[in-house]
Amino acid sequence: MKIYLLSLAAGLLVGVIYGLLNVRSPAPPIIALLGLLGILAGEQAVPAARRLISGAPIDISWFRSHCVPHVFGELPGAKPQSADLPTETGMG
């Protein structure tokens, strides 16, 4: 929860600075949200590529346990990883 509040506070601070400088935000809200969606999807490409390179399949259970929680709001590390899966933080 703390990270969400820090993120909100950082956003509010930047908004106040923009307001004081009388400038508009760099992107319309829908474009900014689509950019954030792209970032989330791109982050999931790295562990998927690592898994493919290691020769392990990408099945729906792996996708649900490793990608869906991150994209839809659960914090990374909330669930322990199984010992038989390749790590997402390193290749070795």
N, C-alpha and C. Protein backbone atom coordinates (compact mmCIF):
# COMPACT_ATOMS: atom_id res chain seq x y z
N MET A 1 0.83 -1.19 0.00
CA MET A 1 0.00 0.00 0.00
C MET A 1 0.87 1.25 0.00
N LYS A 2 2.01 1.18 0.70
CA LYS A 2 2.89 2.33 0.80
C LYS A 2 3.40 2.77 -0.58
N ILE A 3 3.73 1.80 -1.43
CA ILE A 3 4.24 2.14 -2.76
C ILE A 3 3.18 2.86 -3.59
N TYR A 4 1.91 2.50 -3.41
CA TYR A 4 0.84 3.17 -4.14
C TYR A 4 0.70 4.62 -3.68
N LEU A 5 0.80 4.82 -2.38
CA LEU A 5 0.70 6.18 -1.85
C LEU A 5 1.89 7.04 -2.29
N LEU A 6 3.08 6.44 -2.32
CA LEU A 6 4.26 7.16 -2.80
C LEU A 6 4.12 7.52 -4.27
N SER A 7 3.59 6.61 -5.06
CA SER A 7 3.38 6.87 -6.48
C SER A 7 2.36 8.00 -6.68
N LEU A 8 1.28 7.96 -5.92
CA LEU A 8 0.28 9.02 -6.00
C LEU A 8 0.88 10.35 -5.58
N ALA A 9 1.66 10.35 -4.50
CA ALA A 9 2.28 11.59 -4.02
C ALA A 9 3.25 12.16 -5.06
N ALA A 10 4.02 11.29 -5.70
CA ALA A 10 4.94 11.75 -6.74
C ALA A 10 4.16 12.37 -7.90
N GLY A 11 3.08 11.72 -8.30
CA GLY A 11 2.25 12.26 -9.37
C GLY A 11 1.63 13.60 -9.01
N LEU A 12 1.16 13.72 -7.78
CA LEU A 12 0.59 15.00 -7.33
C LEU A 12 1.66 16.10 -7.32
N LEU A 13 2.86 15.76 -6.86
CA LEU A 13 3.94 16.73 -6.84
C LEU A 13 4.27 17.22 -8.24
N VAL A 14 4.37 16.31 -9.18
CA VAL A 14 4.64 16.71 -10.57
C VAL A 14 3.49 17.56 -11.10
N GLY A 15 2.26 17.20 -10.78
CA GLY A 15 1.11 18.00 -11.22
C GLY A 15 1.13 19.40 -10.66
N VAL A 16 1.50 19.54 -9.41
CA VAL A 16 1.60 20.87 -8.79
C VAL A 16 2.70 21.69 -9.48
N ILE A 17 3.83 21.05 -9.73
CA ILE A 17 4.92 21.77 -10.42
C ILE A 17 4.47 22.21 -11.81
N TYR A 18 3.81 21.32 -12.55
CA TYR A 18 3.28 21.70 -13.86
C TYR A 18 2.32 22.88 -13.74
N GLY A 19 1.45 22.84 -12.72
CA GLY A 19 0.50 23.93 -12.53
C GLY A 19 1.19 25.24 -12.20
N LEU A 20 2.21 25.19 -11.35
CA LEU A 20 2.95 26.41 -11.01
C LEU A 20 3.68 27.00 -12.21
N LEU A 21 4.16 26.11 -13.08
CA LEU A 21 4.87 26.58 -14.28
C LEU A 21 3.91 26.90 -15.43
N ASN A 22 2.63 26.66 -15.20
CA ASN A 22 1.59 26.92 -16.19
C ASN A 22 1.84 26.16 -17.50
N VAL A 23 2.19 24.87 -17.37
CA VAL A 23 2.37 24.01 -18.53
C VAL A 23 1.40 22.84 -18.43
N ARG A 24 1.11 22.24 -19.56
CA ARG A 24 0.23 21.09 -19.59
C ARG A 24 1.05 19.82 -19.46
N SER A 25 0.40 18.75 -19.01
CA SER A 25 1.09 17.47 -18.92
C SER A 25 1.54 17.05 -20.32
N PRO A 26 2.59 16.25 -20.41
CA PRO A 26 3.17 15.94 -21.72
C PRO A 26 2.30 15.07 -22.62
N ALA A 27 1.31 14.41 -22.08
CA ALA A 27 0.48 13.54 -22.91
C ALA A 27 -0.97 13.59 -22.43
N PRO A 28 -1.91 13.54 -23.37
CA PRO A 28 -3.32 13.45 -22.96
C PRO A 28 -3.52 12.17 -22.15
N PRO A 29 -4.45 12.16 -21.22
CA PRO A 29 -4.61 11.01 -20.32
C PRO A 29 -4.74 9.66 -21.01
N ILE A 30 -5.51 9.55 -22.10
CA ILE A 30 -5.67 8.25 -22.75
C ILE A 30 -4.36 7.76 -23.34
N ILE A 31 -3.57 8.66 -23.89
CA ILE A 31 -2.27 8.28 -24.46
C ILE A 31 -1.33 7.83 -23.35
N ALA A 32 -1.35 8.53 -22.23
CA ALA A 32 -0.50 8.16 -21.10
C ALA A 32 -0.91 6.78 -20.56
N LEU A 33 -2.20 6.52 -20.46
CA LEU A 33 -2.66 5.22 -19.96
C LEU A 33 -2.30 4.10 -20.92
N LEU A 34 -2.40 4.35 -22.21
CA LEU A 34 -1.99 3.33 -23.19
C LEU A 34 -0.49 3.08 -23.11
N GLY A 35 0.28 4.13 -22.85
CA GLY A 35 1.71 3.95 -22.67
C GLY A 35 2.01 3.09 -21.46
N LEU A 36 1.30 3.32 -20.36
CA LEU A 36 1.48 2.50 -19.16
C LEU A 36 1.09 1.04 -19.42
N LEU A 37 0.03 0.84 -20.18
CA LEU A 37 -0.37 -0.52 -20.54
C LEU A 37 0.74 -1.20 -21.35
N GLY A 38 1.34 -0.45 -22.27
CA GLY A 38 2.44 -0.98 -23.05
C GLY A 38 3.63 -1.35 -22.18
N ILE A 39 3.91 -0.53 -21.17
CA ILE A 39 5.01 -0.83 -20.25
C ILE A 39 4.73 -2.13 -19.51
N LEU A 40 3.52 -2.29 -18.99
CA LEU A 40 3.17 -3.51 -18.27
C LEU A 40 3.28 -4.74 -19.17
N ALA A 41 2.79 -4.63 -20.39
CA ALA A 41 2.88 -5.77 -21.33
C ALA A 41 4.33 -6.06 -21.69
N GLY A 42 5.11 -5.01 -21.91
CA GLY A 42 6.52 -5.20 -22.24
C GLY A 42 7.31 -5.85 -21.12
N GLU A 43 6.98 -5.51 -19.88
CA GLU A 43 7.66 -6.13 -18.74
C GLU A 43 7.43 -7.64 -18.71
N GLN A 44 6.29 -8.07 -19.18
CA GLN A 44 5.98 -9.50 -19.17
C GLN A 44 6.67 -10.24 -20.31
N ALA A 45 7.12 -9.52 -21.32
CA ALA A 45 7.81 -10.15 -22.44
C ALA A 45 9.17 -10.70 -22.02
N VAL A 46 9.84 -10.04 -21.08
CA VAL A 46 11.17 -10.47 -20.66
C VAL A 46 11.13 -11.85 -19.98
N PRO A 47 10.30 -12.06 -18.93
CA PRO A 47 10.28 -13.40 -18.34
C PRO A 47 9.78 -14.47 -19.32
N ALA A 48 8.86 -14.10 -20.20
CA ALA A 48 8.38 -15.08 -21.19
C ALA A 48 9.50 -15.47 -22.14
N ALA A 49 10.28 -14.50 -22.60
CA ALA A 49 11.40 -14.80 -23.50
C ALA A 49 12.45 -15.65 -22.79
N ARG A 50 12.74 -15.33 -21.54
CA ARG A 50 13.70 -16.13 -20.77
C ARG A 50 13.22 -17.58 -20.64
N ARG A 51 11.94 -17.72 -20.42
CA ARG A 51 11.39 -19.06 -20.27
C ARG A 51 11.48 -19.83 -21.59
N LEU A 52 11.18 -19.17 -22.69
CA LEU A 52 11.28 -19.83 -24.00
C LEU A 52 12.72 -20.20 -24.32
N ILE A 53 13.66 -19.30 -24.01
CA ILE A 53 15.07 -19.57 -24.28
C ILE A 53 15.56 -20.76 -23.46
N SER A 54 15.06 -20.89 -22.23
CA SER A 54 15.47 -22.00 -21.38
C SER A 54 14.85 -23.33 -21.82
N GLY A 55 13.92 -23.27 -22.76
CA GLY A 55 13.29 -24.49 -23.27
C GLY A 55 12.01 -24.87 -22.55
N ALA A 56 11.61 -24.09 -21.56
CA ALA A 56 10.37 -24.38 -20.83
C ALA A 56 9.18 -23.81 -21.60
N PRO A 57 8.06 -24.51 -21.59
CA PRO A 57 6.89 -24.01 -22.31
C PRO A 57 6.21 -22.87 -21.56
N ILE A 58 5.50 -22.06 -22.30
CA ILE A 58 4.65 -21.03 -21.70
C ILE A 58 3.22 -21.54 -21.81
N ASP A 59 2.70 -22.03 -20.71
CA ASP A 59 1.34 -22.53 -20.70
C ASP A 59 0.45 -21.56 -19.92
N ILE A 60 -0.82 -21.82 -19.91
CA ILE A 60 -1.77 -20.89 -19.30
C ILE A 60 -1.56 -20.79 -17.79
N SER A 61 -1.16 -21.88 -17.14
CA SER A 61 -0.94 -21.79 -15.69
C SER A 61 0.27 -20.91 -15.37
N TRP A 62 1.33 -20.99 -16.19
CA TRP A 62 2.48 -20.11 -15.99
C TRP A 62 2.08 -18.67 -16.22
N PHE A 63 1.34 -18.42 -17.29
CA PHE A 63 0.88 -17.06 -17.61
C PHE A 63 0.05 -16.50 -16.47
N ARG A 64 -0.88 -17.30 -15.96
CA ARG A 64 -1.74 -16.83 -14.86
C ARG A 64 -0.97 -16.57 -13.57
N SER A 65 0.05 -17.36 -13.31
CA SER A 65 0.77 -17.20 -12.04
C SER A 65 1.88 -16.16 -12.11
N HIS A 66 2.40 -15.87 -13.32
CA HIS A 66 3.52 -14.94 -13.42
C HIS A 66 3.19 -13.61 -14.08
N CYS A 67 2.25 -13.57 -14.97
CA CYS A 67 1.94 -12.33 -15.70
C CYS A 67 0.69 -11.62 -15.16
N VAL A 68 -0.37 -12.36 -15.01
CA VAL A 68 -1.65 -11.76 -14.61
C VAL A 68 -1.55 -11.01 -13.28
N PRO A 69 -0.92 -11.57 -12.23
CA PRO A 69 -0.86 -10.83 -10.97
C PRO A 69 -0.14 -9.49 -11.09
N HIS A 70 0.90 -9.44 -11.89
CA HIS A 70 1.64 -8.19 -12.03
C HIS A 70 0.83 -7.15 -12.82
N VAL A 71 0.23 -7.58 -13.90
CA VAL A 71 -0.52 -6.65 -14.75
C VAL A 71 -1.78 -6.14 -14.05
N PHE A 72 -2.42 -7.00 -13.26
CA PHE A 72 -3.68 -6.62 -12.65
C PHE A 72 -3.57 -6.19 -11.19
N GLY A 73 -2.36 -5.91 -10.71
CA GLY A 73 -2.24 -5.22 -9.46
C GLY A 73 -1.63 -5.90 -8.27
N GLU A 74 -1.41 -7.20 -8.29
CA GLU A 74 -0.76 -7.82 -7.15
C GLU A 74 0.73 -7.50 -7.20
N LEU A 75 1.31 -7.22 -6.07
CA LEU A 75 2.72 -6.87 -6.03
C LEU A 75 3.60 -8.08 -6.31
N PRO A 76 4.70 -7.89 -7.04
CA PRO A 76 5.63 -9.00 -7.27
C PRO A 76 6.15 -9.53 -5.93
N GLY A 77 6.36 -10.82 -5.86
CA GLY A 77 6.86 -11.43 -4.64
C GLY A 77 5.76 -11.80 -3.66
N ALA A 78 4.52 -11.54 -3.99
CA ALA A 78 3.42 -11.86 -3.08
C ALA A 78 3.23 -13.36 -2.96
N LYS A 79 3.58 -14.10 -4.02
CA LYS A 79 3.45 -15.55 -4.01
C LYS A 79 4.84 -16.15 -4.18
N PRO A 80 5.18 -17.18 -3.43
CA PRO A 80 6.50 -17.79 -3.61
C PRO A 80 6.58 -18.51 -4.95
N GLN A 81 7.76 -18.44 -5.58
CA GLN A 81 7.97 -19.12 -6.84
C GLN A 81 8.23 -20.59 -6.61
N SER A 82 7.80 -21.41 -7.55
CA SER A 82 8.09 -22.83 -7.49
C SER A 82 9.56 -23.05 -7.83
N ALA A 83 10.19 -23.99 -7.22
CA ALA A 83 11.63 -24.23 -7.41
C ALA A 83 11.94 -24.76 -8.79
N ASP A 84 10.96 -25.33 -9.50
CA ASP A 84 11.24 -25.92 -10.81
C ASP A 84 11.11 -24.94 -11.96
N LEU A 85 10.76 -23.70 -11.69
CA LEU A 85 10.62 -22.70 -12.75
C LEU A 85 11.88 -21.85 -12.83
N PRO A 86 12.25 -21.41 -14.04
CA PRO A 86 13.40 -20.51 -14.15
C PRO A 86 13.10 -19.19 -13.45
N THR A 87 14.11 -18.59 -12.88
CA THR A 87 13.92 -17.32 -12.19
C THR A 87 13.70 -16.21 -13.19
N GLU A 88 12.98 -15.17 -12.76
CA GLU A 88 12.72 -14.03 -13.62
C GLU A 88 13.80 -12.97 -13.48
N THR A 89 14.61 -13.05 -12.44
CA THR A 89 15.60 -11.99 -12.19
C THR A 89 16.94 -12.29 -12.83
N GLY A 90 17.18 -13.50 -13.23
CA GLY A 90 18.47 -13.81 -13.83
C GLY A 90 18.40 -15.07 -14.65
N MET A 91 19.40 -15.24 -15.48
CA MET A 91 19.42 -16.39 -16.37
C MET A 91 20.22 -17.54 -15.77
N GLY A 92 20.86 -17.36 -14.63
CA GLY A 92 21.69 -18.45 -14.17
C GLY A 92 21.67 -18.72 -12.77
